[in-house]
Amino acid sequence: MKLLTLILIAAVSLAAQETKKEKRQAATERIVQGTVSDADGNFVNGAAVQLKDKRTLQVRSFITQDNGGYHFSGLKVDNDYDLKADYKGMTSGWKTLSVFDTRKEPVINLKLEKPEKK
């Protein structure tokens, strides 16, 4: 009976530690997501979305799905990030996710523009 009690106490203690760890991690990380659309408002499948960490200059990429959707997780709340989409010569231009945007799951939709003719 004592062994069972010790195991139960250990399990509860371990679960509490994991919950604290998850809360700490959740407080320091966030997710950004959105869609990529063309100039006519249609979702774009296969667009390359780039996310650049403005502190480290590290770049991550995501290829959009049928619904034009993208998402990046594990982003630090104390870093600024730039986002841009490219597809077949079209680009969205850069948009910034700022440290001043305190949302945990901000949505940033990107609209591709046709290249300027010269």
PDB file of N, CA and C in Angstrom:
ATOM      1  N   MET A   1       0.824  -1.194   0.000  1.00  0.00           N
ATOM      2  CA  MET A   1       0.000   0.000   0.000  1.00  0.00           C
ATOM      3  C   MET A   1       0.871   1.262   0.000  1.00  0.00           C
ATOM      4  N   LYS A   2       1.967   1.244   0.786  1.00  0.00           N
ATOM      5  CA  LYS A   2       2.871   2.391   0.821  1.00  0.00           C
ATOM      6  C   LYS A   2       3.505   2.617  -0.548  1.00  0.00           C
ATOM      7  N   LEU A   3       3.848   1.527  -1.223  1.00  0.00           N
ATOM      8  CA  LEU A   3       4.450   1.628  -2.551  1.00  0.00           C
ATOM      9  C   LEU A   3       3.473   2.272  -3.535  1.00  0.00           C
ATOM     10  N   LEU A   4       2.232   1.876  -3.477  1.00  0.00           N
ATOM     11  CA  LEU A   4       1.209   2.446  -4.343  1.00  0.00           C
ATOM     12  C   LEU A   4       1.036   3.939  -4.072  1.00  0.00           C
ATOM     13  N   THR A   5       1.059   4.327  -2.811  1.00  0.00           N
ATOM     14  CA  THR A   5       0.946   5.735  -2.433  1.00  0.00           C
ATOM     15  C   THR A   5       2.132   6.526  -2.966  1.00  0.00           C
ATOM     16  N   LEU A   6       3.343   5.990  -2.835  1.00  0.00           N
ATOM     17  CA  LEU A   6       4.539   6.670  -3.342  1.00  0.00           C
ATOM     18  C   LEU A   6       4.488   6.833  -4.857  1.00  0.00           C
ATOM     19  N   ILE A   7       4.033   5.812  -5.551  1.00  0.00           N
ATOM     20  CA  ILE A   7       3.917   5.892  -7.009  1.00  0.00           C
ATOM     21  C   ILE A   7       2.898   6.951  -7.404  1.00  0.00           C
ATOM     22  N   LEU A   8       1.787   6.999  -6.704  1.00  0.00           N
ATOM     23  CA  LEU A   8       0.752   7.989  -6.984  1.00  0.00           C
ATOM     24  C   LEU A   8       1.270   9.405  -6.748  1.00  0.00           C
ATOM     25  N   ILE A   9       1.982   9.621  -5.656  1.00  0.00           N
ATOM     26  CA  ILE A   9       2.556  10.938  -5.348  1.00  0.00           C
ATOM     27  C   ILE A   9       3.570  11.331  -6.415  1.00  0.00           C
ATOM     28  N   ALA A  10       4.409  10.398  -6.831  1.00  0.00           N
ATOM     29  CA  ALA A  10       5.410  10.678  -7.862  1.00  0.00           C
ATOM     30  C   ALA A  10       4.743  11.049  -9.184  1.00  0.00           C
ATOM     31  N   ALA A  11       3.679  10.347  -9.539  1.00  0.00           N
ATOM     32  CA  ALA A  11       2.976  10.622 -10.790  1.00  0.00           C
ATOM     33  C   ALA A  11       2.335  12.007 -10.769  1.00  0.00           C
ATOM     34  N   VAL A  12       1.707  12.365  -9.674  1.00  0.00           N
ATOM     35  CA  VAL A  12       1.079  13.686  -9.548  1.00  0.00           C
ATOM     36  C   VAL A  12       2.140  14.779  -9.603  1.00  0.00           C
ATOM     37  N   SER A  13       3.252  14.567  -8.936  1.00  0.00           N
ATOM     38  CA  SER A  13       4.343  15.538  -8.931  1.00  0.00           C
ATOM     39  C   SER A  13       4.907  15.737 -10.334  1.00  0.00           C
ATOM     40  N   LEU A  14       5.102  14.651 -11.062  1.00  0.00           N
ATOM     41  CA  LEU A  14       5.622  14.717 -12.421  1.00  0.00           C
ATOM     42  C   LEU A  14       4.656  15.458 -13.336  1.00  0.00           C
ATOM     43  N   ALA A  15       3.379  15.188 -13.203  1.00  0.00           N
ATOM     44  CA  ALA A  15       2.367  15.863 -14.020  1.00  0.00           C
ATOM     45  C   ALA A  15       2.355  17.361 -13.741  1.00  0.00           C
ATOM     46  N   ALA A  16       2.511  17.748 -12.489  1.00  0.00           N
ATOM     47  CA  ALA A  16       2.539  19.167 -12.123  1.00  0.00           C
ATOM     48  C   ALA A  16       3.755  19.855 -12.730  1.00  0.00           C
ATOM     49  N   GLN A  17       4.903  19.181 -12.733  1.00  0.00           N
ATOM     50  CA  GLN A  17       6.111  19.760 -13.317  1.00  0.00           C
ATOM     51  C   GLN A  17       5.942  19.965 -14.817  1.00  0.00           C
ATOM     52  N   GLU A  18       5.352  18.989 -15.510  1.00  0.00           N
ATOM     53  CA  GLU A  18       5.126  19.106 -16.947  1.00  0.00           C
ATOM     54  C   GLU A  18       4.185  20.266 -17.253  1.00  0.00           C
ATOM     55  N   THR A  19       3.140  20.433 -16.444  1.00  0.00           N
ATOM     56  CA  THR A  19       2.202  21.531 -16.647  1.00  0.00           C
ATOM     57  C   THR A  19       2.903  22.873 -16.490  1.00  0.00           C
ATOM     58  N   LYS A  20       3.761  23.020 -15.482  1.00  0.00           N
ATOM     59  CA  LYS A  20       4.510  24.264 -15.292  1.00  0.00           C
ATOM     60  C   LYS A  20       5.418  24.531 -16.480  1.00  0.00           C
ATOM     61  N   LYS A  21       6.078  23.489 -16.983  1.00  0.00           N
ATOM     62  CA  LYS A  21       6.974  23.631 -18.129  1.00  0.00           C
ATOM     63  C   LYS A  21       6.190  24.088 -19.355  1.00  0.00           C
ATOM     64  N   GLU A  22       5.026  23.489 -19.599  1.00  0.00           N
ATOM     65  CA  GLU A  22       4.196  23.867 -20.737  1.00  0.00           C
ATOM     66  C   GLU A  22       3.733  25.313 -20.620  1.00  0.00           C
ATOM     67  N   LYS A  23       3.366  25.750 -19.422  1.00  0.00           N
ATOM     68  CA  LYS A  23       2.920  27.131 -19.226  1.00  0.00           C
ATOM     69  C   LYS A  23       4.056  28.109 -19.487  1.00  0.00           C
ATOM     70  N   ARG A  24       5.279  27.786 -19.010  1.00  0.00           N
ATOM     71  CA  ARG A  24       6.434  28.655 -19.261  1.00  0.00           C
ATOM     72  C   ARG A  24       6.702  28.750 -20.754  1.00  0.00           C
ATOM     73  N   GLN A  25       6.662  27.605 -21.430  1.00  0.00           N
ATOM     74  CA  GLN A  25       6.919  27.576 -22.857  1.00  0.00           C
ATOM     75  C   GLN A  25       5.835  28.345 -23.606  1.00  0.00           C
ATOM     76  N   ALA A  26       4.590  28.177 -23.230  1.00  0.00           N
ATOM     77  CA  ALA A  26       3.487  28.870 -23.888  1.00  0.00           C
ATOM     78  C   ALA A  26       3.593  30.375 -23.705  1.00  0.00           C
ATOM     79  N   ALA A  27       4.143  30.823 -22.597  1.00  0.00           N
ATOM     80  CA  ALA A  27       4.271  32.254 -22.336  1.00  0.00           C
ATOM     81  C   ALA A  27       5.378  32.888 -23.168  1.00  0.00           C
ATOM     82  N   THR A  28       6.310  32.098 -23.695  1.00  0.00           N
ATOM     83  CA  THR A  28       7.434  32.653 -24.440  1.00  0.00           C
ATOM     84  C   THR A  28       7.379  32.336 -25.931  1.00  0.00           C
ATOM     85  N   GLU A  29       6.362  31.618 -26.378  1.00  0.00           N
ATOM     86  CA  GLU A  29       6.250  31.256 -27.788  1.00  0.00           C
ATOM     87  C   GLU A  29       4.880  31.614 -28.342  1.00  0.00           C
ATOM     88  N   ARG A  30       4.843  31.774 -29.672  1.00  0.00           N
ATOM     89  CA  ARG A  30       3.569  32.019 -30.336  1.00  0.00           C
ATOM     90  C   ARG A  30       3.585  31.414 -31.737  1.00  0.00           C
ATOM     91  N   ILE A  31       2.445  31.477 -32.384  1.00  0.00           N
ATOM     92  CA  ILE A  31       2.241  30.923 -33.721  1.00  0.00           C
ATOM     93  C   ILE A  31       1.757  32.058 -34.618  1.00  0.00           C
ATOM     94  N   VAL A  32       2.215  32.082 -35.861  1.00  0.00           N
ATOM     95  CA  VAL A  32       1.638  32.998 -36.850  1.00  0.00           C
ATOM     96  C   VAL A  32       1.098  32.137 -37.987  1.00  0.00           C
ATOM     97  N   GLN A  33      -0.058  32.539 -38.495  1.00  0.00           N
ATOM     98  CA  GLN A  33      -0.679  31.798 -39.587  1.00  0.00           C
ATOM     99  C   GLN A  33      -1.444  32.759 -40.475  1.00  0.00           C
ATOM    100  N   GLY A  34      -1.836  32.266 -41.626  1.00  0.00           N
ATOM    101  CA  GLY A  34      -2.601  33.096 -42.544  1.00  0.00           C
ATOM    102  C   GLY A  34      -2.779  32.394 -43.868  1.00  0.00           C
ATOM    103  N   THR A  35      -3.205  33.164 -44.863  1.00  0.00           N
ATOM    104  CA  THR A  35      -3.396  32.629 -46.208  1.00  0.00           C
ATOM    105  C   THR A  35      -2.660  33.503 -47.212  1.00  0.00           C
ATOM    106  N   VAL A  36      -2.390  32.905 -48.362  1.00  0.00           N
ATOM    107  CA  VAL A  36      -1.790  33.627 -49.484  1.00  0.00           C
ATOM    108  C   VAL A  36      -2.816  33.635 -50.606  1.00  0.00           C
ATOM    109  N   SER A  37      -3.097  34.827 -51.131  1.00  0.00           N
ATOM    110  CA  SER A  37      -4.050  34.945 -52.237  1.00  0.00           C
ATOM    111  C   SER A  37      -3.415  35.734 -53.374  1.00  0.00           C
ATOM    112  N   ASP A  38      -3.964  35.545 -54.581  1.00  0.00           N
ATOM    113  CA  ASP A  38      -3.458  36.293 -55.730  1.00  0.00           C
ATOM    114  C   ASP A  38      -4.167  37.645 -55.808  1.00  0.00           C
ATOM    115  N   ALA A  39      -3.858  38.408 -56.845  1.00  0.00           N
ATOM    116  CA  ALA A  39      -4.422  39.754 -56.989  1.00  0.00           C
ATOM    117  C   ALA A  39      -5.941  39.736 -57.121  1.00  0.00           C
ATOM    118  N   ASP A  40      -6.500  38.595 -57.566  1.00  0.00           N
ATOM    119  CA  ASP A  40      -7.953  38.470 -57.707  1.00  0.00           C
ATOM    120  C   ASP A  40      -8.626  37.923 -56.457  1.00  0.00           C
ATOM    121  N   GLY A  41      -7.846  37.626 -55.410  1.00  0.00           N
ATOM    122  CA  GLY A  41      -8.404  37.125 -54.161  1.00  0.00           C
ATOM    123  C   GLY A  41      -8.513  35.616 -54.066  1.00  0.00           C
ATOM    124  N   ASN A  42      -7.999  34.890 -55.064  1.00  0.00           N
ATOM    125  CA  ASN A  42      -8.033  33.424 -55.042  1.00  0.00           C
ATOM    126  C   ASN A  42      -6.880  32.883 -54.205  1.00  0.00           C
ATOM    127  N   PHE A  43      -7.148  31.853 -53.400  1.00  0.00           N
ATOM    128  CA  PHE A  43      -6.089  31.234 -52.610  1.00  0.00           C
ATOM    129  C   PHE A  43      -5.072  30.578 -53.536  1.00  0.00           C
ATOM    130  N   VAL A  44      -3.801  30.630 -53.148  1.00  0.00           N
ATOM    131  CA  VAL A  44      -2.719  30.119 -53.981  1.00  0.00           C
ATOM    132  C   VAL A  44      -2.105  28.879 -53.348  1.00  0.00           C
ATOM    133  N   ASN A  45      -2.161  27.772 -54.075  1.00  0.00           N
ATOM    134  CA  ASN A  45      -1.531  26.517 -53.661  1.00  0.00           C
ATOM    135  C   ASN A  45      -0.102  26.501 -54.204  1.00  0.00           C
ATOM    136  N   GLY A  46       0.873  26.229 -53.351  1.00  0.00           N
ATOM    137  CA  GLY A  46       2.261  26.117 -53.794  1.00  0.00           C
ATOM    138  C   GLY A  46       3.078  27.386 -53.678  1.00  0.00           C
ATOM    139  N   ALA A  47       2.531  28.415 -53.059  1.00  0.00           N
ATOM    140  CA  ALA A  47       3.314  29.635 -52.842  1.00  0.00           C
ATOM    141  C   ALA A  47       4.340  29.389 -51.738  1.00  0.00           C
ATOM    142  N   ALA A  48       5.502  29.998 -51.872  1.00  0.00           N
ATOM    143  CA  ALA A  48       6.552  29.878 -50.856  1.00  0.00           C
ATOM    144  C   ALA A  48       6.446  31.063 -49.902  1.00  0.00           C
ATOM    145  N   VAL A  49       6.179  30.775 -48.637  1.00  0.00           N
ATOM    146  CA  VAL A  49       6.106  31.818 -47.614  1.00  0.00           C
ATOM    147  C   VAL A  49       7.405  31.773 -46.821  1.00  0.00           C
ATOM    148  N   GLN A  50       8.065  32.919 -46.712  1.00  0.00           N
ATOM    149  CA  GLN A  50       9.307  33.014 -45.952  1.00  0.00           C
ATOM    150  C   GLN A  50       9.057  33.786 -44.668  1.00  0.00           C
ATOM    151  N   LEU A  51       9.635  33.289 -43.586  1.00  0.00           N
ATOM    152  CA  LEU A  51       9.578  33.947 -42.282  1.00  0.00           C
ATOM    153  C   LEU A  51      11.016  34.233 -41.873  1.00  0.00           C
ATOM    154  N   LYS A  52      11.346  35.519 -41.699  1.00  0.00           N
ATOM    155  CA  LYS A  52      12.714  35.888 -41.321  1.00  0.00           C
ATOM    156  C   LYS A  52      12.724  36.448 -39.905  1.00  0.00           C
ATOM    157  N   ASP A  53      13.524  35.840 -39.041  1.00  0.00           N
ATOM    158  CA  ASP A  53      13.740  36.326 -37.680  1.00  0.00           C
ATOM    159  C   ASP A  53      14.652  37.546 -37.794  1.00  0.00           C
ATOM    160  N   LYS A  54      14.170  38.713 -37.402  1.00  0.00           N
ATOM    161  CA  LYS A  54      14.945  39.941 -37.578  1.00  0.00           C
ATOM    162  C   LYS A  54      16.120  40.051 -36.619  1.00  0.00           C
ATOM    163  N   ARG A  55      16.130  39.235 -35.570  1.00  0.00           N
ATOM    164  CA  ARG A  55      17.251  39.254 -34.627  1.00  0.00           C
ATOM    165  C   ARG A  55      18.394  38.368 -35.128  1.00  0.00           C
ATOM    166  N   THR A  56      18.065  37.137 -35.528  1.00  0.00           N
ATOM    167  CA  THR A  56      19.099  36.179 -35.936  1.00  0.00           C
ATOM    168  C   THR A  56      19.287  36.116 -37.448  1.00  0.00           C
ATOM    169  N   LEU A  57      18.349  36.684 -38.200  1.00  0.00           N
ATOM    170  CA  LEU A  57      18.316  36.645 -39.662  1.00  0.00           C
ATOM    171  C   LEU A  57      18.080  35.236 -40.211  1.00  0.00           C
ATOM    172  N   GLN A  58      17.685  34.312 -39.349  1.00  0.00           N
ATOM    173  CA  GLN A  58      17.346  32.957 -39.782  1.00  0.00           C
ATOM    174  C   GLN A  58      16.046  33.014 -40.585  1.00  0.00           C
ATOM    175  N   VAL A  59      15.999  32.255 -41.692  1.00  0.00           N
ATOM    176  CA  VAL A  59      14.817  32.227 -42.552  1.00  0.00           C
ATOM    177  C   VAL A  59      14.229  30.822 -42.556  1.00  0.00           C
ATOM    178  N   ARG A  60      12.914  30.753 -42.353  1.00  0.00           N
ATOM    179  CA  ARG A  60      12.175  29.493 -42.448  1.00  0.00           C
ATOM    180  C   ARG A  60      11.179  29.628 -43.590  1.00  0.00           C
ATOM    181  N   SER A  61      10.849  28.503 -44.231  1.00  0.00           N
ATOM    182  CA  SER A  61       9.928  28.527 -45.370  1.00  0.00           C
ATOM    183  C   SER A  61       8.780  27.554 -45.169  1.00  0.00           C
ATOM    184  N   PHE A  62       7.663  27.863 -45.816  1.00  0.00           N
ATOM    185  CA  PHE A  62       6.484  26.999 -45.795  1.00  0.00           C
ATOM    186  C   PHE A  62       5.845  27.084 -47.176  1.00  0.00           C
ATOM    187  N   ILE A  63       5.477  25.945 -47.748  1.00  0.00           N
ATOM    188  CA  ILE A  63       4.774  25.909 -49.032  1.00  0.00           C
ATOM    189  C   ILE A  63       3.277  25.778 -48.744  1.00  0.00           C
ATOM    190  N   THR A  64       2.482  26.702 -49.296  1.00  0.00           N
ATOM    191  CA  THR A  64       1.050  26.717 -49.000  1.00  0.00           C
ATOM    192  C   THR A  64       0.340  25.491 -49.567  1.00  0.00           C
ATOM    193  N   GLN A  65      -0.766  25.150 -48.927  1.00  0.00           N
ATOM    194  CA  GLN A  65      -1.604  24.017 -49.322  1.00  0.00           C
ATOM    195  C   GLN A  65      -2.736  24.515 -50.229  1.00  0.00           C
ATOM    196  N   ASP A  66      -3.714  23.634 -50.510  1.00  0.00           N
ATOM    197  CA  ASP A  66      -4.827  23.971 -51.409  1.00  0.00           C
ATOM    198  C   ASP A  66      -5.594  25.218 -50.974  1.00  0.00           C
ATOM    199  N   ASN A  67      -5.726  25.411 -49.675  1.00  0.00           N
ATOM    200  CA  ASN A  67      -6.484  26.561 -49.168  1.00  0.00           C
ATOM    201  C   ASN A  67      -5.625  27.816 -49.046  1.00  0.00           C
ATOM    202  N   GLY A  68      -4.398  27.768 -49.562  1.00  0.00           N
ATOM    203  CA  GLY A  68      -3.497  28.915 -49.493  1.00  0.00           C
ATOM    204  C   GLY A  68      -2.931  29.152 -48.112  1.00  0.00           C
ATOM    205  N   GLY A  69      -3.167  28.221 -47.189  1.00  0.00           N
ATOM    206  CA  GLY A  69      -2.774  28.423 -45.794  1.00  0.00           C
ATOM    207  C   GLY A  69      -1.315  28.128 -45.498  1.00  0.00           C
ATOM    208  N   TYR A  70      -0.803  28.837 -44.507  1.00  0.00           N
ATOM    209  CA  TYR A  70       0.534  28.597 -43.980  1.00  0.00           C
ATOM    210  C   TYR A  70       0.495  28.776 -42.474  1.00  0.00           C
ATOM    211  N   HIS A  71       1.500  28.254 -41.776  1.00  0.00           N
ATOM    212  CA  HIS A  71       1.641  28.507 -40.336  1.00  0.00           C
ATOM    213  C   HIS A  71       3.083  28.255 -39.908  1.00  0.00           C
ATOM    214  N   PHE A  72       3.527  29.039 -38.951  1.00  0.00           N
ATOM    215  CA  PHE A  72       4.834  28.875 -38.324  1.00  0.00           C
ATOM    216  C   PHE A  72       4.609  28.857 -36.820  1.00  0.00           C
ATOM    217  N   SER A  73       5.181  27.874 -36.145  1.00  0.00           N
ATOM    218  CA  SER A  73       5.034  27.776 -34.691  1.00  0.00           C
ATOM    219  C   SER A  73       6.396  27.907 -34.020  1.00  0.00           C
ATOM    220  N   GLY A  74       6.373  28.009 -32.694  1.00  0.00           N
ATOM    221  CA  GLY A  74       7.610  28.101 -31.926  1.00  0.00           C
ATOM    222  C   GLY A  74       8.306  29.441 -32.058  1.00  0.00           C
ATOM    223  N   LEU A  75       7.552  30.498 -32.350  1.00  0.00           N
ATOM    224  CA  LEU A  75       8.146  31.828 -32.507  1.00  0.00           C
ATOM    225  C   LEU A  75       8.291  32.500 -31.150  1.00  0.00           C
ATOM    226  N   LYS A  76       9.407  33.145 -30.938  1.00  0.00           N
ATOM    227  CA  LYS A  76       9.644  33.840 -29.673  1.00  0.00           C
ATOM    228  C   LYS A  76       8.820  35.126 -29.630  1.00  0.00           C
ATOM    229  N   VAL A  77       8.205  35.391 -28.487  1.00  0.00           N
ATOM    230  CA  VAL A  77       7.369  36.590 -28.366  1.00  0.00           C
ATOM    231  C   VAL A  77       8.207  37.861 -28.309  1.00  0.00           C
ATOM    232  N   ASP A  78       9.507  37.742 -27.999  1.00  0.00           N
ATOM    233  CA  ASP A  78      10.356  38.928 -27.890  1.00  0.00           C
ATOM    234  C   ASP A  78      11.208  39.165 -29.138  1.00  0.00           C
ATOM    235  N   ASN A  79      10.831  38.575 -30.277  1.00  0.00           N
ATOM    236  CA  ASN A  79      11.514  38.802 -31.552  1.00  0.00           C
ATOM    237  C   ASN A  79      10.536  39.373 -32.564  1.00  0.00           C
ATOM    238  N   ASP A  80      11.039  40.228 -33.458  1.00  0.00           N
ATOM    239  CA  ASP A  80      10.272  40.678 -34.613  1.00  0.00           C
ATOM    240  C   ASP A  80      10.523  39.699 -35.756  1.00  0.00           C
ATOM    241  N   TYR A  81       9.509  39.514 -36.610  1.00  0.00           N
ATOM    242  CA  TYR A  81       9.622  38.619 -37.755  1.00  0.00           C
ATOM    243  C   TYR A  81       9.078  39.325 -38.995  1.00  0.00           C
ATOM    244  N   ASP A  82       9.699  39.064 -40.144  1.00  0.00           N
ATOM    245  CA  ASP A  82       9.193  39.530 -41.430  1.00  0.00           C
ATOM    246  C   ASP A  82       8.644  38.338 -42.195  1.00  0.00           C
ATOM    247  N   LEU A  83       7.530  38.549 -42.893  1.00  0.00           N
ATOM    248  CA  LEU A  83       6.890  37.503 -43.702  1.00  0.00           C
ATOM    249  C   LEU A  83       6.716  37.990 -45.130  1.00  0.00           C
ATOM    250  N   LYS A  84       6.908  37.069 -46.075  1.00  0.00           N
ATOM    251  CA  LYS A  84       6.736  37.395 -47.491  1.00  0.00           C
ATOM    252  C   LYS A  84       6.340  36.125 -48.233  1.00  0.00           C
ATOM    253  N   ALA A  85       5.529  36.270 -49.278  1.00  0.00           N
ATOM    254  CA  ALA A  85       5.148  35.134 -50.119  1.00  0.00           C
ATOM    255  C   ALA A  85       5.586  35.396 -51.554  1.00  0.00           C
ATOM    256  N   ASP A  86       6.010  34.327 -52.232  1.00  0.00           N
ATOM    257  CA  ASP A  86       6.398  34.393 -53.642  1.00  0.00           C
ATOM    258  C   ASP A  86       5.743  33.242 -54.388  1.00  0.00           C
ATOM    259  N   TYR A  87       5.347  33.528 -55.646  1.00  0.00           N
ATOM    260  CA  TYR A  87       4.766  32.474 -56.479  1.00  0.00           C
ATOM    261  C   TYR A  87       4.824  32.905 -57.940  1.00  0.00           C
ATOM    262  N   LYS A  88       5.546  32.153 -58.753  1.00  0.00           N
ATOM    263  CA  LYS A  88       5.622  32.369 -60.207  1.00  0.00           C
ATOM    264  C   LYS A  88       5.815  33.838 -60.581  1.00  0.00           C
ATOM    265  N   GLY A  89       6.817  34.461 -60.008  1.00  0.00           N
ATOM    266  CA  GLY A  89       7.145  35.844 -60.343  1.00  0.00           C
ATOM    267  C   GLY A  89       6.342  36.895 -59.596  1.00  0.00           C
ATOM    268  N   MET A  90       5.337  36.477 -58.845  1.00  0.00           N
ATOM    269  CA  MET A  90       4.551  37.422 -58.044  1.00  0.00           C
ATOM    270  C   MET A  90       5.080  37.411 -56.617  1.00  0.00           C
ATOM    271  N   THR A  91       4.963  38.543 -55.943  1.00  0.00           N
ATOM    272  CA  THR A  91       5.409  38.631 -54.552  1.00  0.00           C
ATOM    273  C   THR A  91       4.419  39.459 -53.745  1.00  0.00           C
ATOM    274  N   SER A  92       4.403  39.217 -52.454  1.00  0.00           N
ATOM    275  CA  SER A  92       3.483  39.957 -51.586  1.00  0.00           C
ATOM    276  C   SER A  92       4.138  41.187 -50.975  1.00  0.00           C
ATOM    277  N   GLY A  93       5.442  41.258 -51.010  1.00  0.00           N
ATOM    278  CA  GLY A  93       6.128  42.281 -50.235  1.00  0.00           C
ATOM    279  C   GLY A  93       6.188  41.825 -48.785  1.00  0.00           C
ATOM    280  N   TRP A  94       7.032  42.453 -48.004  1.00  0.00           N
ATOM    281  CA  TRP A  94       7.249  42.038 -46.610  1.00  0.00           C
ATOM    282  C   TRP A  94       6.185  42.619 -45.687  1.00  0.00           C
ATOM    283  N   LYS A  95       5.739  41.808 -44.734  1.00  0.00           N
ATOM    284  CA  LYS A  95       4.884  42.264 -43.626  1.00  0.00           C
ATOM    285  C   LYS A  95       5.603  41.896 -42.338  1.00  0.00           C
ATOM    286  N   THR A  96       5.459  42.724 -41.310  1.00  0.00           N
ATOM    287  CA  THR A  96       6.180  42.512 -40.058  1.00  0.00           C
ATOM    288  C   THR A  96       5.248  42.061 -38.943  1.00  0.00           C
ATOM    289  N   LEU A  97       5.703  41.037 -38.215  1.00  0.00           N
ATOM    290  CA  LEU A  97       5.071  40.621 -36.959  1.00  0.00           C
ATOM    291  C   LEU A  97       5.945  41.203 -35.863  1.00  0.00           C
ATOM    292  N   SER A  98       5.424  42.182 -35.156  1.00  0.00           N
ATOM    293  CA  SER A  98       6.196  42.944 -34.177  1.00  0.00           C
ATOM    294  C   SER A  98       6.051  42.392 -32.762  1.00  0.00           C
ATOM    295  N   VAL A  99       7.046  42.673 -31.936  1.00  0.00           N
ATOM    296  CA  VAL A  99       6.961  42.308 -30.518  1.00  0.00           C
ATOM    297  C   VAL A  99       5.818  43.057 -29.845  1.00  0.00           C
ATOM    298  N   PHE A 100       5.388  44.163 -30.422  1.00  0.00           N
ATOM    299  CA  PHE A 100       4.298  44.943 -29.844  1.00  0.00           C
ATOM    300  C   PHE A 100       2.932  44.318 -30.119  1.00  0.00           C
ATOM    301  N   ASP A 101       2.884  43.364 -31.058  1.00  0.00           N
ATOM    302  CA  ASP A 101       1.663  42.596 -31.316  1.00  0.00           C
ATOM    303  C   ASP A 101       1.650  41.462 -30.299  1.00  0.00           C
ATOM    304  N   THR A 102       0.821  41.567 -29.281  1.00  0.00           N
ATOM    305  CA  THR A 102       0.853  40.626 -28.154  1.00  0.00           C
ATOM    306  C   THR A 102      -0.052  39.410 -28.346  1.00  0.00           C
ATOM    307  N   ARG A 103      -0.691  39.282 -29.500  1.00  0.00           N
ATOM    308  CA  ARG A 103      -1.544  38.115 -29.747  1.00  0.00           C
ATOM    309  C   ARG A 103      -0.688  36.852 -29.800  1.00  0.00           C
ATOM    310  N   LYS A 104      -1.196  35.758 -29.221  1.00  0.00           N
ATOM    311  CA  LYS A 104      -0.470  34.479 -29.220  1.00  0.00           C
ATOM    312  C   LYS A 104      -0.563  33.780 -30.572  1.00  0.00           C
ATOM    313  N   GLU A 105      -1.648  34.026 -31.317  1.00  0.00           N
ATOM    314  CA  GLU A 105      -1.838  33.388 -32.619  1.00  0.00           C
ATOM    315  C   GLU A 105      -2.310  34.423 -33.645  1.00  0.00           C
ATOM    316  N   PRO A 106      -1.441  35.378 -33.997  1.00  0.00           N
ATOM    317  CA  PRO A 106      -1.851  36.388 -34.969  1.00  0.00           C
ATOM    318  C   PRO A 106      -2.058  35.784 -36.360  1.00  0.00           C
ATOM    319  N   VAL A 107      -2.938  36.401 -37.122  1.00  0.00           N
ATOM    320  CA  VAL A 107      -3.207  35.993 -38.498  1.00  0.00           C
ATOM    321  C   VAL A 107      -2.704  37.103 -39.411  1.00  0.00           C
ATOM    322  N   ILE A 108      -1.797  36.741 -40.319  1.00  0.00           N
ATOM    323  CA  ILE A 108      -1.272  37.695 -41.295  1.00  0.00           C
ATOM    324  C   ILE A 108      -1.503  37.102 -42.681  1.00  0.00           C
ATOM    325  N   ASN A 109      -2.449  37.681 -43.409  1.00  0.00           N
ATOM    326  CA  ASN A 109      -2.747  37.228 -44.764  1.00  0.00           C
ATOM    327  C   ASN A 109      -1.870  37.994 -45.748  1.00  0.00           C
ATOM    328  N   LEU A 110      -1.362  37.285 -46.743  1.00  0.00           N
ATOM    329  CA  LEU A 110      -0.446  37.864 -47.721  1.00  0.00           C
ATOM    330  C   LEU A 110      -1.107  37.861 -49.096  1.00  0.00           C
ATOM    331  N   LYS A 111      -1.033  39.000 -49.795  1.00  0.00           N
ATOM    332  CA  LYS A 111      -1.639  39.113 -51.122  1.00  0.00           C
ATOM    333  C   LYS A 111      -0.541  39.310 -52.159  1.00  0.00           C
ATOM    334  N   LEU A 112      -0.507  38.406 -53.130  1.00  0.00           N
ATOM    335  CA  LEU A 112       0.487  38.486 -54.194  1.00  0.00           C
ATOM    336  C   LEU A 112       0.106  39.575 -55.186  1.00  0.00           C
ATOM    337  N   GLU A 113       1.092  40.320 -55.622  1.00  0.00           N
ATOM    338  CA  GLU A 113       0.888  41.367 -56.618  1.00  0.00           C
ATOM    339  C   GLU A 113       1.604  40.966 -57.896  1.00  0.00           C
ATOM    340  N   LYS A 114       1.002  41.305 -59.025  1.00  0.00           N
ATOM    341  CA  LYS A 114       1.635  41.017 -60.309  1.00  0.00           C
ATOM    342  C   LYS A 114       2.876  41.891 -60.450  1.00  0.00           C
ATOM    343  N   PRO A 115       3.922  41.358 -61.090  1.00  0.00           N
ATOM    344  CA  PRO A 115       5.143  42.155 -61.246  1.00  0.00           C
ATOM    345  C   PRO A 115       4.887  43.370 -62.133  1.00  0.00           C
ATOM    346  N   GLU A 116       5.593  44.444 -61.825  1.00  0.00           N
ATOM    347  CA  GLU A 116       5.458  45.664 -62.623  1.00  0.00           C
ATOM    348  C   GLU A 116       6.093  45.445 -63.988  1.00  0.00           C
ATOM    349  N   LYS A 117       5.406  45.893 -65.019  1.00  0.00           N
ATOM    350  CA  LYS A 117       5.950  45.788 -66.382  1.00  0.00           C
ATOM    351  C   LYS A 117       6.851  46.981 -66.636  1.00  0.00           C
ATOM    352  N   LYS A 118       7.992  46.700 -67.248  1.00  0.00           N
ATOM    353  CA  LYS A 118       8.959  47.784 -67.517  1.00  0.00           C
ATOM    354  C   LYS A 118       8.969  48.147 -68.969  1.00  0.00           C
TER     355      LYS A 118
END
